[in-house]
Amino acid sequence: MLETARYAPPECHVSRPAAAPRVRPLDAVDATDLIDLLSGLDQPSRFSRFSSAMSDLRLVQHAQHALATSAFVAGAFVEDRLRGVVEVYDTGCSGLSEAAFVVAADWRRRGLGFALLQAASRWARQSERTTLRLVFSRQNWPMRQLAAKVGARFDLILDEIEADVAVDPGLPAGQARSTAM
């Protein structure tokens, strides 16, 4: 009997087992961890998150600014290291807050974004917000999938997508009712 070899793509790597992240709010004492996470992003990831090229110095400034001025910041820790973060900012519009996400490249597609969205949803519900708006590039497929998973309403504006996630006080955190008509 002829045995066939299994094909493995040349860039195939062994993925880490999915570990449940520990998500908690971040504050000034977590600045170094946040700076390390942001500084570890490659240039395409930096551009995707910030819509421009970001030097290490600008990332340090952003981390300090985010911890000082955002309405809510939470981090996902795996193996006691910060692997992802959500920053939530008030927009000035009643009931609307904007959320931005970063997950370390080697920890993407492992549920960290969803865990961070659940934390942001809990905060929004407790803070009497009705909508979390996610803004990301059209090419950011993981964010599109995350927003679709929770029933977000999508709007395409130039080269960005605005995905509004309705925060419903009657639903468990991380679930949203669809606002699409």
N, C-alpha and C. Protein backbone atom coordinates (compact mmCIF):
# COMPACT_ATOMS: atom_id res chain seq x y z
N MET A 1 0.84 -1.16 0.00
CA MET A 1 0.00 0.00 0.00
C MET A 1 0.89 1.23 0.00
N LEU A 2 0.55 2.18 -0.86
CA LEU A 2 1.31 3.40 -0.99
C LEU A 2 0.87 4.40 0.07
N GLU A 3 1.83 4.91 0.80
CA GLU A 3 1.53 5.85 1.86
C GLU A 3 1.75 7.26 1.32
N THR A 4 0.82 8.15 1.57
CA THR A 4 0.97 9.53 1.10
C THR A 4 1.42 10.42 2.24
N ALA A 5 2.31 11.32 1.91
CA ALA A 5 2.79 12.27 2.91
C ALA A 5 1.80 13.41 3.05
N ARG A 6 1.67 13.90 4.25
CA ARG A 6 0.80 15.05 4.48
C ARG A 6 1.53 16.31 4.07
N TYR A 7 0.79 17.19 3.42
CA TYR A 7 1.35 18.45 2.98
C TYR A 7 1.22 19.48 4.09
N ALA A 8 2.30 20.17 4.38
CA ALA A 8 2.28 21.28 5.33
C ALA A 8 2.81 22.50 4.61
N PRO A 9 2.09 23.61 4.64
CA PRO A 9 2.59 24.82 3.98
C PRO A 9 3.95 25.20 4.52
N PRO A 10 4.80 25.83 3.69
CA PRO A 10 6.15 26.16 4.13
C PRO A 10 6.19 27.05 5.35
N GLU A 11 5.22 27.94 5.53
CA GLU A 11 5.25 28.85 6.67
C GLU A 11 4.35 28.35 7.80
N CYS A 12 4.07 27.09 7.81
CA CYS A 12 3.21 26.52 8.83
C CYS A 12 3.92 26.58 10.18
N HIS A 13 3.19 26.98 11.19
CA HIS A 13 3.76 26.99 12.53
C HIS A 13 2.79 26.32 13.48
N VAL A 14 3.32 25.84 14.54
CA VAL A 14 2.49 25.18 15.54
C VAL A 14 1.81 26.26 16.37
N SER A 15 0.50 26.23 16.41
CA SER A 15 -0.20 27.26 17.17
C SER A 15 -0.25 26.87 18.64
N ARG A 16 -0.26 27.89 19.46
CA ARG A 16 -0.37 27.67 20.89
C ARG A 16 -1.79 27.24 21.21
N PRO A 17 -1.94 26.40 22.21
CA PRO A 17 -3.30 26.08 22.62
C PRO A 17 -3.99 27.34 23.12
N ALA A 18 -5.27 27.43 22.88
CA ALA A 18 -6.02 28.60 23.32
C ALA A 18 -6.09 28.60 24.84
N ALA A 19 -5.58 29.66 25.43
CA ALA A 19 -5.65 29.82 26.87
C ALA A 19 -6.68 30.90 27.15
N ALA A 20 -7.49 30.68 28.15
CA ALA A 20 -8.50 31.67 28.49
C ALA A 20 -7.80 32.92 29.02
N PRO A 21 -8.08 34.06 28.40
CA PRO A 21 -7.43 35.27 28.88
C PRO A 21 -8.06 35.76 30.18
N ARG A 22 -7.26 36.42 30.96
CA ARG A 22 -7.75 37.10 32.16
C ARG A 22 -7.86 38.56 31.75
N VAL A 23 -9.06 39.11 31.75
CA VAL A 23 -9.29 40.48 31.32
C VAL A 23 -9.57 41.33 32.55
N ARG A 24 -8.86 42.45 32.62
CA ARG A 24 -9.07 43.37 33.74
C ARG A 24 -8.79 44.80 33.28
N PRO A 25 -9.36 45.78 34.01
CA PRO A 25 -9.09 47.18 33.67
C PRO A 25 -7.60 47.49 33.85
N LEU A 26 -7.10 48.40 33.02
CA LEU A 26 -5.72 48.86 33.12
C LEU A 26 -5.69 50.26 33.71
N ASP A 27 -4.59 50.57 34.38
CA ASP A 27 -4.39 51.94 34.87
C ASP A 27 -2.92 52.29 34.73
N ALA A 28 -2.50 53.38 35.33
CA ALA A 28 -1.15 53.92 35.13
C ALA A 28 -0.05 52.91 35.47
N VAL A 29 -0.29 52.01 36.42
CA VAL A 29 0.75 51.03 36.78
C VAL A 29 0.99 50.02 35.66
N ASP A 30 0.06 49.95 34.69
CA ASP A 30 0.19 49.01 33.56
C ASP A 30 0.81 49.67 32.34
N ALA A 31 1.30 50.89 32.47
CA ALA A 31 1.83 51.63 31.32
C ALA A 31 2.94 50.86 30.61
N THR A 32 3.86 50.29 31.34
CA THR A 32 4.98 49.57 30.72
C THR A 32 4.47 48.38 29.90
N ASP A 33 3.51 47.64 30.44
CA ASP A 33 2.94 46.51 29.70
C ASP A 33 2.26 46.98 28.42
N LEU A 34 1.52 48.08 28.49
CA LEU A 34 0.84 48.60 27.31
C LEU A 34 1.85 49.09 26.28
N ILE A 35 2.88 49.77 26.73
CA ILE A 35 3.92 50.25 25.81
C ILE A 35 4.60 49.07 25.14
N ASP A 36 4.91 48.03 25.89
CA ASP A 36 5.54 46.83 25.32
C ASP A 36 4.64 46.19 24.26
N LEU A 37 3.34 46.10 24.54
CA LEU A 37 2.40 45.51 23.57
C LEU A 37 2.38 46.35 22.30
N LEU A 38 2.21 47.65 22.42
CA LEU A 38 2.13 48.52 21.25
C LEU A 38 3.44 48.55 20.48
N SER A 39 4.57 48.58 21.18
CA SER A 39 5.88 48.61 20.52
C SER A 39 6.18 47.31 19.79
N GLY A 40 5.53 46.23 20.20
CA GLY A 40 5.74 44.94 19.55
C GLY A 40 4.95 44.78 18.25
N LEU A 41 4.10 45.76 17.92
CA LEU A 41 3.34 45.68 16.68
C LEU A 41 4.24 45.96 15.48
N ASP A 42 4.05 45.21 14.41
CA ASP A 42 4.78 45.50 13.18
C ASP A 42 4.14 46.73 12.51
N GLN A 43 4.80 47.26 11.49
CA GLN A 43 4.31 48.49 10.85
C GLN A 43 2.91 48.34 10.25
N PRO A 44 2.59 47.24 9.55
CA PRO A 44 1.22 47.11 9.05
C PRO A 44 0.17 47.12 10.17
N SER A 45 0.48 46.48 11.30
CA SER A 45 -0.46 46.47 12.42
C SER A 45 -0.58 47.86 13.04
N ARG A 46 0.53 48.57 13.12
CA ARG A 46 0.48 49.94 13.64
C ARG A 46 -0.38 50.81 12.74
N PHE A 47 -0.20 50.66 11.44
CA PHE A 47 -0.98 51.46 10.50
C PHE A 47 -2.46 51.08 10.58
N SER A 48 -2.74 49.80 10.71
CA SER A 48 -4.12 49.35 10.79
C SER A 48 -4.81 49.92 12.03
N ARG A 49 -4.13 49.96 13.15
CA ARG A 49 -4.73 50.44 14.40
C ARG A 49 -4.83 51.97 14.43
N PHE A 50 -3.77 52.66 13.98
CA PHE A 50 -3.71 54.11 14.16
C PHE A 50 -3.94 54.90 12.88
N SER A 51 -4.11 54.22 11.77
CA SER A 51 -4.32 54.85 10.46
C SER A 51 -3.16 55.73 10.02
N SER A 52 -1.99 55.46 10.56
CA SER A 52 -0.78 56.16 10.15
C SER A 52 0.42 55.39 10.69
N ALA A 53 1.58 55.73 10.15
CA ALA A 53 2.81 55.12 10.67
C ALA A 53 3.05 55.69 12.07
N MET A 54 3.47 54.85 12.98
CA MET A 54 3.68 55.28 14.36
C MET A 54 5.08 54.87 14.81
N SER A 55 5.84 55.86 15.23
CA SER A 55 7.17 55.58 15.79
C SER A 55 6.99 55.03 17.21
N ASP A 56 8.06 54.46 17.74
CA ASP A 56 8.01 53.97 19.11
C ASP A 56 7.70 55.10 20.09
N LEU A 57 8.26 56.28 19.85
CA LEU A 57 8.00 57.42 20.73
C LEU A 57 6.52 57.79 20.72
N ARG A 58 5.91 57.81 19.54
CA ARG A 58 4.48 58.13 19.44
C ARG A 58 3.63 57.06 20.13
N LEU A 59 4.07 55.80 20.07
CA LEU A 59 3.34 54.73 20.76
C LEU A 59 3.40 54.90 22.28
N VAL A 60 4.56 55.33 22.78
CA VAL A 60 4.69 55.60 24.22
C VAL A 60 3.73 56.73 24.60
N GLN A 61 3.72 57.78 23.80
CA GLN A 61 2.82 58.91 24.08
C GLN A 61 1.36 58.47 24.02
N HIS A 62 1.03 57.65 23.04
CA HIS A 62 -0.35 57.17 22.92
C HIS A 62 -0.74 56.35 24.15
N ALA A 63 0.13 55.46 24.58
CA ALA A 63 -0.18 54.61 25.74
C ALA A 63 -0.44 55.47 26.97
N GLN A 64 0.41 56.44 27.21
CA GLN A 64 0.24 57.32 28.37
C GLN A 64 -1.06 58.12 28.25
N HIS A 65 -1.34 58.63 27.06
CA HIS A 65 -2.55 59.40 26.83
C HIS A 65 -3.79 58.52 27.01
N ALA A 66 -3.76 57.30 26.48
CA ALA A 66 -4.90 56.39 26.60
C ALA A 66 -5.21 56.08 28.06
N LEU A 67 -4.18 55.79 28.82
CA LEU A 67 -4.40 55.45 30.23
C LEU A 67 -4.91 56.65 31.02
N ALA A 68 -4.54 57.86 30.59
CA ALA A 68 -4.94 59.07 31.32
C ALA A 68 -6.31 59.61 30.91
N THR A 69 -6.70 59.40 29.65
CA THR A 69 -7.89 60.10 29.16
C THR A 69 -9.04 59.23 28.68
N SER A 70 -8.82 57.95 28.46
CA SER A 70 -9.92 57.12 27.94
C SER A 70 -10.94 56.89 29.05
N ALA A 71 -12.16 56.62 28.62
CA ALA A 71 -13.23 56.34 29.58
C ALA A 71 -13.02 54.98 30.24
N PHE A 72 -12.44 54.04 29.47
CA PHE A 72 -12.23 52.68 29.97
C PHE A 72 -11.12 52.04 29.15
N VAL A 73 -10.20 51.37 29.82
CA VAL A 73 -9.16 50.59 29.16
C VAL A 73 -9.08 49.25 29.88
N ALA A 74 -9.10 48.16 29.10
CA ALA A 74 -8.96 46.84 29.69
C ALA A 74 -7.93 46.06 28.90
N GLY A 75 -7.25 45.17 29.58
CA GLY A 75 -6.24 44.33 28.95
C GLY A 75 -6.55 42.87 29.11
N ALA A 76 -6.16 42.09 28.10
CA ALA A 76 -6.29 40.63 28.14
C ALA A 76 -4.91 40.07 28.44
N PHE A 77 -4.80 39.37 29.54
CA PHE A 77 -3.53 38.78 29.95
C PHE A 77 -3.59 37.27 29.75
N VAL A 78 -2.54 36.74 29.15
CA VAL A 78 -2.36 35.30 29.02
C VAL A 78 -0.94 35.03 29.47
N GLU A 79 -0.79 34.03 30.32
CA GLU A 79 0.54 33.71 30.86
C GLU A 79 1.15 34.94 31.53
N ASP A 80 0.31 35.72 32.22
CA ASP A 80 0.71 36.92 32.96
C ASP A 80 1.35 38.01 32.09
N ARG A 81 1.09 37.96 30.79
CA ARG A 81 1.58 39.01 29.89
C ARG A 81 0.40 39.63 29.17
N LEU A 82 0.46 40.93 28.98
CA LEU A 82 -0.58 41.65 28.26
C LEU A 82 -0.49 41.27 26.79
N ARG A 83 -1.58 40.70 26.27
CA ARG A 83 -1.60 40.22 24.88
C ARG A 83 -2.59 41.01 24.02
N GLY A 84 -3.50 41.77 24.65
CA GLY A 84 -4.46 42.55 23.90
C GLY A 84 -5.06 43.63 24.78
N VAL A 85 -5.60 44.65 24.13
CA VAL A 85 -6.17 45.77 24.88
C VAL A 85 -7.35 46.36 24.11
N VAL A 86 -8.32 46.87 24.84
CA VAL A 86 -9.41 47.66 24.27
C VAL A 86 -9.38 49.02 24.97
N GLU A 87 -9.47 50.07 24.17
CA GLU A 87 -9.56 51.44 24.68
C GLU A 87 -10.94 51.94 24.30
N VAL A 88 -11.67 52.51 25.25
CA VAL A 88 -13.00 53.04 24.99
C VAL A 88 -12.97 54.53 25.28
N TYR A 89 -13.45 55.31 24.32
CA TYR A 89 -13.45 56.77 24.42
C TYR A 89 -14.87 57.29 24.29
N ASP A 90 -15.20 58.29 25.10
CA ASP A 90 -16.47 58.97 24.94
C ASP A 90 -16.38 59.85 23.71
N THR A 91 -17.48 59.92 22.97
CA THR A 91 -17.50 60.67 21.72
C THR A 91 -18.16 62.03 21.85
N GLY A 92 -18.82 62.28 22.96
CA GLY A 92 -19.58 63.52 23.10
C GLY A 92 -21.02 63.35 22.66
N CYS A 93 -21.31 62.26 21.96
CA CYS A 93 -22.69 61.95 21.57
C CYS A 93 -23.32 61.13 22.69
N SER A 94 -24.51 61.46 23.05
CA SER A 94 -25.20 60.78 24.13
C SER A 94 -25.30 59.28 23.87
N GLY A 95 -24.81 58.50 24.81
CA GLY A 95 -24.94 57.06 24.74
C GLY A 95 -23.96 56.34 23.84
N LEU A 96 -23.08 57.08 23.15
CA LEU A 96 -22.16 56.48 22.18
C LEU A 96 -20.72 56.57 22.66
N SER A 97 -20.03 55.45 22.66
CA SER A 97 -18.60 55.41 22.94
C SER A 97 -17.91 54.67 21.81
N GLU A 98 -16.65 55.01 21.57
CA GLU A 98 -15.89 54.37 20.50
C GLU A 98 -14.83 53.47 21.11
N ALA A 99 -14.72 52.26 20.59
CA ALA A 99 -13.78 51.27 21.11
C ALA A 99 -12.73 50.93 20.06
N ALA A 100 -11.48 50.86 20.48
CA ALA A 100 -10.36 50.49 19.61
C ALA A 100 -9.64 49.30 20.24
N PHE A 101 -9.24 48.35 19.39
CA PHE A 101 -8.65 47.10 19.85
C PHE A 101 -7.25 46.90 19.29
N VAL A 102 -6.40 46.25 20.08
CA VAL A 102 -5.10 45.78 19.63
C VAL A 102 -4.88 44.42 20.26
N VAL A 103 -4.48 43.45 19.44
CA VAL A 103 -4.10 42.13 19.94
C VAL A 103 -2.75 41.79 19.33
N ALA A 104 -1.84 41.30 20.14
CA ALA A 104 -0.51 40.90 19.66
C ALA A 104 -0.66 39.90 18.52
N ALA A 105 0.18 40.04 17.51
CA ALA A 105 0.05 39.24 16.28
C ALA A 105 -0.04 37.74 16.54
N ASP A 106 0.78 37.22 17.42
CA ASP A 106 0.78 35.77 17.65
C ASP A 106 -0.35 35.32 18.57
N TRP A 107 -1.22 36.23 18.99
CA TRP A 107 -2.36 35.88 19.83
C TRP A 107 -3.69 36.20 19.17
N ARG A 108 -3.67 36.58 17.91
CA ARG A 108 -4.90 36.89 17.20
C ARG A 108 -5.66 35.61 16.85
N ARG A 109 -6.96 35.76 16.71
CA ARG A 109 -7.86 34.66 16.36
C ARG A 109 -7.88 33.56 17.43
N ARG A 110 -7.75 33.99 18.68
CA ARG A 110 -7.79 33.05 19.81
C ARG A 110 -8.82 33.47 20.85
N GLY A 111 -9.70 34.40 20.48
CA GLY A 111 -10.77 34.81 21.38
C GLY A 111 -10.47 36.01 22.25
N LEU A 112 -9.28 36.58 22.14
CA LEU A 112 -8.95 37.72 22.97
C LEU A 112 -9.77 38.96 22.60
N GLY A 113 -9.97 39.19 21.31
CA GLY A 113 -10.78 40.33 20.88
C GLY A 113 -12.20 40.22 21.41
N PHE A 114 -12.77 39.03 21.35
CA PHE A 114 -14.12 38.82 21.86
C PHE A 114 -14.17 39.04 23.37
N ALA A 115 -13.18 38.53 24.09
CA ALA A 115 -13.14 38.73 25.55
C ALA A 115 -13.03 40.22 25.88
N LEU A 116 -12.24 40.95 25.10
CA LEU A 116 -12.12 42.40 25.32
C LEU A 116 -13.42 43.11 24.98
N LEU A 117 -14.10 42.68 23.94
CA LEU A 117 -15.39 43.27 23.58
C LEU A 117 -16.42 43.00 24.68
N GLN A 118 -16.39 41.83 25.27
CA GLN A 118 -17.29 41.53 26.38
C GLN A 118 -17.03 42.49 27.55
N ALA A 119 -15.75 42.73 27.86
CA ALA A 119 -15.41 43.65 28.96
C ALA A 119 -15.89 45.06 28.64
N ALA A 120 -15.69 45.50 27.40
CA ALA A 120 -16.14 46.83 27.00
C ALA A 120 -17.67 46.92 27.05
N SER A 121 -18.35 45.85 26.68
CA SER A 121 -19.81 45.82 26.74
C SER A 121 -20.32 45.90 28.17
N ARG A 122 -19.66 45.19 29.09
CA ARG A 122 -20.04 45.28 30.50
C ARG A 122 -19.87 46.70 31.01
N TRP A 123 -18.72 47.31 30.68
CA TRP A 123 -18.48 48.68 31.11
C TRP A 123 -19.54 49.62 30.51
N ALA A 124 -19.84 49.46 29.24
CA ALA A 124 -20.82 50.32 28.58
C ALA A 124 -22.19 50.19 29.23
N ARG A 125 -22.58 48.96 29.52
CA ARG A 125 -23.88 48.74 30.15
C ARG A 125 -23.92 49.39 31.53
N GLN A 126 -22.86 49.22 32.32
CA GLN A 126 -22.81 49.80 33.66
C GLN A 126 -22.74 51.34 33.59
N SER A 127 -22.21 51.87 32.51
CA SER A 127 -22.06 53.31 32.34
C SER A 127 -23.21 53.93 31.56
N GLU A 128 -24.25 53.13 31.35
CA GLU A 128 -25.46 53.57 30.66
C GLU A 128 -25.21 54.07 29.24
N ARG A 129 -24.27 53.43 28.56
CA ARG A 129 -24.06 53.68 27.14
C ARG A 129 -24.98 52.76 26.36
N THR A 130 -25.41 53.18 25.20
CA THR A 130 -26.31 52.35 24.40
C THR A 130 -25.61 51.72 23.20
N THR A 131 -24.46 52.32 22.80
CA THR A 131 -23.78 51.85 21.59
C THR A 131 -22.27 51.93 21.76
N LEU A 132 -21.60 50.87 21.32
CA LEU A 132 -20.15 50.88 21.17
C LEU A 132 -19.87 50.94 19.68
N ARG A 133 -19.10 51.91 19.25
CA ARG A 133 -18.74 52.02 17.83
C ARG A 133 -17.31 51.54 17.65
N LEU A 134 -17.15 50.60 16.72
CA LEU A 134 -15.83 50.11 16.34
C LEU A 134 -15.52 50.71 14.98
N VAL A 135 -14.36 51.33 14.83
CA VAL A 135 -13.96 51.92 13.56
C VAL A 135 -12.67 51.23 13.13
N PHE A 136 -12.67 50.70 11.90
CA PHE A 136 -11.50 49.96 11.43
C PHE A 136 -11.46 49.99 9.91
N SER A 137 -10.33 49.62 9.35
CA SER A 137 -10.17 49.64 7.90
C SER A 137 -10.98 48.51 7.25
N ARG A 138 -11.32 48.73 5.99
CA ARG A 138 -12.08 47.73 5.24
C ARG A 138 -11.35 46.40 5.17
N GLN A 139 -10.02 46.44 5.20
CA GLN A 139 -9.22 45.24 5.05
C GLN A 139 -9.02 44.48 6.37
N ASN A 140 -9.52 45.00 7.46
CA ASN A 140 -9.32 44.36 8.75
C ASN A 140 -10.39 43.28 8.96
N TRP A 141 -10.15 42.12 8.37
CA TRP A 141 -11.12 41.03 8.41
C TRP A 141 -11.38 40.49 9.81
N PRO A 142 -10.38 40.36 10.67
CA PRO A 142 -10.70 39.89 12.03
C PRO A 142 -11.67 40.82 12.76
N MET A 143 -11.52 42.14 12.60
CA MET A 143 -12.46 43.06 13.24
C MET A 143 -13.85 42.96 12.60
N ARG A 144 -13.89 42.77 11.30
CA ARG A 144 -15.18 42.61 10.64
C ARG A 144 -15.90 41.37 11.18
N GLN A 145 -15.15 40.29 11.35
CA GLN A 145 -15.74 39.06 11.87
C GLN A 145 -16.19 39.23 13.32
N LEU A 146 -15.40 39.92 14.12
CA LEU A 146 -15.76 40.17 15.52
C LEU A 146 -17.05 40.98 15.60
N ALA A 147 -17.12 42.05 14.81
CA ALA A 147 -18.32 42.90 14.82
C ALA A 147 -19.55 42.13 14.33
N ALA A 148 -19.37 41.32 13.29
CA ALA A 148 -20.49 40.54 12.77
C ALA A 148 -20.97 39.52 13.81
N LYS A 149 -20.03 38.97 14.56
CA LYS A 149 -20.36 37.96 15.56
C LYS A 149 -21.35 38.48 16.60
N VAL A 150 -21.28 39.79 16.90
CA VAL A 150 -22.16 40.36 17.91
C VAL A 150 -23.29 41.18 17.31
N GLY A 151 -23.53 41.01 16.00
CA GLY A 151 -24.67 41.64 15.36
C GLY A 151 -24.54 43.13 15.14
N ALA A 152 -23.34 43.60 14.89
CA ALA A 152 -23.13 45.03 14.67
C ALA A 152 -23.79 45.51 13.39
N ARG A 153 -24.11 46.78 13.37
CA ARG A 153 -24.63 47.44 12.17
C ARG A 153 -23.45 48.11 11.48
N PHE A 154 -23.21 47.78 10.21
CA PHE A 154 -22.04 48.24 9.48
C PHE A 154 -22.39 49.43 8.58
N ASP A 155 -21.49 50.41 8.57
CA ASP A 155 -21.53 51.52 7.62
C ASP A 155 -20.14 51.67 7.03
N LEU A 156 -20.08 51.80 5.72
CA LEU A 156 -18.82 52.02 5.02
C LEU A 156 -18.68 53.52 4.77
N ILE A 157 -17.61 54.10 5.30
CA ILE A 157 -17.35 55.52 5.13
C ILE A 157 -15.93 55.65 4.60
N LEU A 158 -15.83 56.06 3.33
CA LEU A 158 -14.56 56.13 2.62
C LEU A 158 -13.88 54.76 2.72
N ASP A 159 -12.73 54.69 3.35
CA ASP A 159 -12.02 53.41 3.42
C ASP A 159 -12.13 52.77 4.80
N GLU A 160 -13.06 53.26 5.63
CA GLU A 160 -13.22 52.72 6.96
C GLU A 160 -14.62 52.15 7.13
N ILE A 161 -14.71 51.24 8.08
CA ILE A 161 -16.00 50.67 8.46
C ILE A 161 -16.30 51.15 9.87
N GLU A 162 -17.52 51.63 10.06
CA GLU A 162 -18.03 51.92 11.39
C GLU A 162 -19.01 50.81 11.71
N ALA A 163 -18.74 50.09 12.77
CA ALA A 163 -19.61 49.00 13.19
C ALA A 163 -20.19 49.36 14.55
N ASP A 164 -21.48 49.60 14.60
CA ASP A 164 -22.15 49.97 15.84
C ASP A 164 -22.71 48.72 16.51
N VAL A 165 -22.28 48.51 17.74
CA VAL A 165 -22.73 47.38 18.54
C VAL A 165 -23.70 47.94 19.58
N ALA A 166 -24.93 47.50 19.51
CA ALA A 166 -25.95 47.94 20.47
C ALA A 166 -25.70 47.27 21.81
N VAL A 167 -25.66 48.07 22.85
CA VAL A 167 -25.48 47.55 24.20
C VAL A 167 -26.87 47.45 24.81
N ASP A 168 -27.31 46.23 25.02
CA ASP A 168 -28.65 45.99 25.53
C ASP A 168 -28.55 45.55 26.98
N PRO A 169 -29.16 46.30 27.90
CA PRO A 169 -29.04 45.93 29.32
C PRO A 169 -29.67 44.58 29.65
N GLY A 170 -30.50 44.03 28.75
CA GLY A 170 -31.15 42.75 29.02
C GLY A 170 -30.37 41.55 28.55
N LEU A 171 -29.24 41.78 27.84
CA LEU A 171 -28.46 40.66 27.30
C LEU A 171 -27.19 40.44 28.11
N PRO A 172 -26.70 39.22 28.15
CA PRO A 172 -25.41 38.97 28.79
C PRO A 172 -24.31 39.74 28.06
N ALA A 173 -23.24 40.10 28.77
CA ALA A 173 -22.13 40.84 28.17
C ALA A 173 -21.56 40.08 27.00
N GLY A 174 -21.24 40.82 25.94
CA GLY A 174 -20.65 40.22 24.75
C GLY A 174 -21.68 39.86 23.70
N GLN A 175 -22.96 39.86 24.07
CA GLN A 175 -24.01 39.62 23.10
C GLN A 175 -24.66 40.96 22.82
N ALA A 176 -25.10 41.14 21.62
CA ALA A 176 -25.73 42.40 21.26
C ALA A 176 -26.93 42.12 20.40
N ARG A 177 -27.90 43.01 20.49
CA ARG A 177 -29.02 42.86 19.58
C ARG A 177 -28.64 43.57 18.29
N SER A 178 -29.13 43.07 17.21
CA SER A 178 -28.80 43.65 15.91
C SER A 178 -29.53 44.96 15.74
N THR A 179 -28.79 45.98 15.24
CA THR A 179 -29.41 47.26 14.94
C THR A 179 -29.67 47.38 13.46
N ALA A 180 -29.35 46.35 12.70
CA ALA A 180 -29.57 46.41 11.25
C ALA A 180 -31.06 46.31 10.96
N MET A 181 -31.48 47.03 9.95
CA MET A 181 -32.90 47.02 9.57
C MET A 181 -33.14 46.09 8.42
